[in-house]
Protein backbone atom coordinates (compact mmCIF):
# COMPACT_ATOMS: atom_id res chain seq x y z
CA UNK A 1 0.00 0.00 0.00
CA UNK A 2 2.86 2.33 0.84
CA UNK A 3 4.50 1.68 -2.55
CA UNK A 4 1.23 2.38 -4.35
CA UNK A 5 0.81 5.68 -2.50
CA UNK A 6 4.38 6.72 -3.30
CA UNK A 7 3.94 5.73 -6.97
CA UNK A 8 0.69 7.69 -7.27
CA UNK A 9 2.28 10.69 -5.58
CA UNK A 10 5.23 10.55 -8.01
CA UNK A 11 2.82 10.40 -10.98
CA UNK A 12 0.88 13.39 -9.68
CA UNK A 13 4.09 15.39 -9.28
CA UNK A 14 5.12 14.56 -12.88
CA UNK A 15 1.69 15.53 -14.24
CA UNK A 16 1.71 18.78 -12.26
CA UNK A 17 5.22 19.61 -13.50
CA UNK A 18 4.18 18.96 -17.11
CA UNK A 19 1.05 21.12 -16.73
CA UNK A 20 3.13 23.93 -15.25
CA UNK A 21 5.55 23.74 -18.20
CA UNK A 22 2.63 24.07 -20.65
CA UNK A 23 1.32 27.11 -18.78
CA UNK A 24 4.78 28.69 -18.71
CA UNK A 25 5.27 28.06 -22.43
CA UNK A 26 1.92 29.64 -23.23
CA UNK A 27 2.84 32.73 -21.20
CA UNK A 28 6.30 32.83 -22.79
CA UNK A 29 4.75 32.82 -26.29
CA UNK A 30 2.62 35.82 -25.30
CA UNK A 31 5.71 37.64 -24.04
CA UNK A 32 7.59 36.83 -27.25
CA UNK A 33 4.68 38.08 -29.38
CA UNK A 34 4.57 41.40 -27.55
CA UNK A 35 8.33 41.87 -28.02
CA UNK A 36 8.13 40.93 -31.70
CA UNK A 37 5.19 43.26 -32.35
CA UNK A 38 6.80 46.19 -30.55
CA UNK A 39 10.03 45.88 -32.55
CA UNK A 40 8.35 45.14 -35.87
CA UNK A 41 5.96 48.09 -35.61
CA UNK A 42 8.81 50.37 -34.51
CA UNK A 43 10.68 49.41 -37.70
CA UNK A 44 7.72 50.05 -40.00
CA UNK A 45 6.47 46.49 -40.44
CA UNK A 46 2.80 45.54 -40.45
CA UNK A 47 1.33 42.29 -39.17
CA UNK A 48 0.21 40.08 -42.04
CA UNK A 49 -0.96 36.80 -40.47
CA UNK A 50 -0.29 34.36 -37.62
CA UNK A 51 -0.54 30.58 -37.43
CA UNK A 52 -0.91 28.76 -34.10
CA UNK A 53 1.15 25.61 -33.43
CA UNK A 54 1.45 24.28 -36.96
CA UNK A 55 3.96 22.40 -39.05
CA UNK A 56 2.85 23.90 -42.39
CA UNK A 57 1.80 27.38 -43.46
CA UNK A 58 1.83 29.47 -46.61
CA UNK A 59 1.58 33.03 -47.81
CA UNK A 60 1.61 35.03 -51.01
CA UNK A 61 4.48 37.48 -51.40
CA UNK A 62 4.25 40.64 -53.45
CA UNK A 63 7.06 42.30 -55.37
CA UNK A 64 9.30 44.95 -53.78
CA UNK A 65 8.28 43.96 -50.26
CA UNK A 66 10.27 42.94 -47.16
CA UNK A 67 9.06 40.06 -45.00
CA UNK A 68 9.96 38.80 -41.54
CA UNK A 69 8.71 35.38 -40.44
CA UNK A 70 9.08 34.33 -36.80
CA UNK A 71 8.91 30.69 -35.71
CA UNK A 72 8.20 30.33 -31.97
CA UNK A 73 8.40 26.80 -30.58
CA UNK A 74 8.50 24.91 -27.29
CA UNK A 75 12.15 24.24 -26.45
CA UNK A 76 11.44 22.35 -23.21
CA UNK A 77 12.65 19.00 -24.55
CA UNK A 78 15.38 20.66 -26.67
CA UNK A 79 14.21 19.48 -30.11
CA UNK A 80 16.44 19.99 -33.13
CA UNK A 81 14.52 22.57 -35.16
CA UNK A 82 14.09 22.35 -38.91
CA UNK A 83 12.33 25.44 -40.26
CA UNK A 84 12.36 26.62 -43.85
CA UNK A 85 10.52 28.72 -46.37
CA UNK A 86 10.53 28.10 -50.10
CA UNK A 87 8.88 29.09 -53.35
CA UNK A 88 6.00 26.76 -54.21
CA UNK A 89 6.86 25.57 -57.68
CA UNK A 90 7.06 22.23 -59.48
CA UNK A 91 10.52 23.22 -60.74
CA UNK A 92 12.98 21.66 -58.27
CA UNK A 93 15.84 23.92 -59.35
CA UNK A 94 13.79 27.07 -58.64
CA UNK A 95 12.57 25.56 -55.37
CA UNK A 96 16.16 24.83 -54.32
CA UNK A 97 17.33 28.29 -55.38
CA UNK A 98 14.54 30.04 -53.46
CA UNK A 99 14.68 28.11 -50.19
CA UNK A 100 15.73 29.87 -46.99
CA UNK A 101 16.40 28.76 -43.42
CA UNK A 102 15.82 31.13 -40.50
CA UNK A 103 18.36 32.25 -37.93
CA UNK A 104 18.02 31.32 -34.28
CA UNK A 105 17.56 34.61 -32.41
CA UNK A 106 16.89 33.70 -28.80
CA UNK A 107 14.71 32.27 -26.10
CA UNK A 108 12.20 33.55 -23.56
CA UNK A 109 11.58 30.92 -20.89
CA UNK A 110 10.52 27.78 -22.77
CA UNK A 111 9.77 29.62 -26.04
CA UNK A 112 12.60 29.62 -28.57
CA UNK A 113 12.50 31.96 -31.58
CA UNK A 114 13.87 31.67 -35.11
CA UNK A 115 13.61 34.49 -37.67
CA UNK A 116 13.51 34.39 -41.46
CA UNK A 117 14.10 37.69 -43.32
CA UNK A 118 13.72 38.11 -47.05
CA UNK A 119 12.96 40.81 -49.58
CA UNK A 120 11.31 40.41 -52.95
CA UNK A 121 12.34 42.33 -56.04
CA UNK A 122 10.31 43.33 -59.06
CA UNK A 123 9.00 40.15 -60.67
CA UNK A 124 10.28 39.98 -64.25
CA UNK A 125 7.53 37.69 -65.55
CA UNK A 126 4.65 40.07 -64.83
CA UNK A 127 3.24 38.16 -61.84
CA UNK A 128 2.03 40.33 -58.96
CA UNK A 129 2.50 37.67 -56.28
CA UNK A 130 4.01 34.25 -55.64
CA UNK A 131 3.14 31.50 -53.12
CA UNK A 132 5.64 30.67 -50.39
CA UNK A 133 5.47 27.51 -48.28
CA UNK A 134 6.67 27.48 -44.66
CA UNK A 135 7.57 24.25 -42.88
CA UNK A 136 8.12 23.91 -39.15
CA UNK A 137 9.50 20.96 -37.27
CA UNK A 138 8.73 20.92 -34.36
CA UNK A 139 5.36 22.59 -34.63
CA UNK A 140 5.64 26.33 -34.15
CA UNK A 141 3.53 29.42 -33.78
CA UNK A 142 4.33 31.46 -36.89
CA UNK A 143 4.07 35.25 -37.09
CA UNK A 144 4.47 37.03 -40.45
CA UNK A 145 5.16 40.76 -40.87
CA UNK A 146 5.79 42.83 -44.00
CA UNK A 147 6.70 46.32 -45.17
CA UNK A 148 6.67 47.63 -48.68
């Protein structure tokens, strides 16, 4: 009976610790978002769109525009991140040429942040916009800002 009580108590402590980590991560993401927004707005960027805890996202980019994409993920278990953005095209050479990986820029509590910066030029083929695919592993909250 004593062993069972100790085992149940240990399980409860583990569950409580995990729940506390989830709460801290959620609060850390809010803190990160406020910092990102403050700095982005101060530098003339506008918020385009956000995606909550996803492994895939996309956006259309316009010519002569600067973009900043932030990937915010839970770093509690220290996953090896693999984030990238690339031009959605069936042409593998173009896809390879226009693929970018973000830089790791820091951590707030359990929330780690990576940033992808890129600028589009005038599109020579007359298109007004192009689709970009974003991939996140592990799942990340993705914030996209632009200025043109």
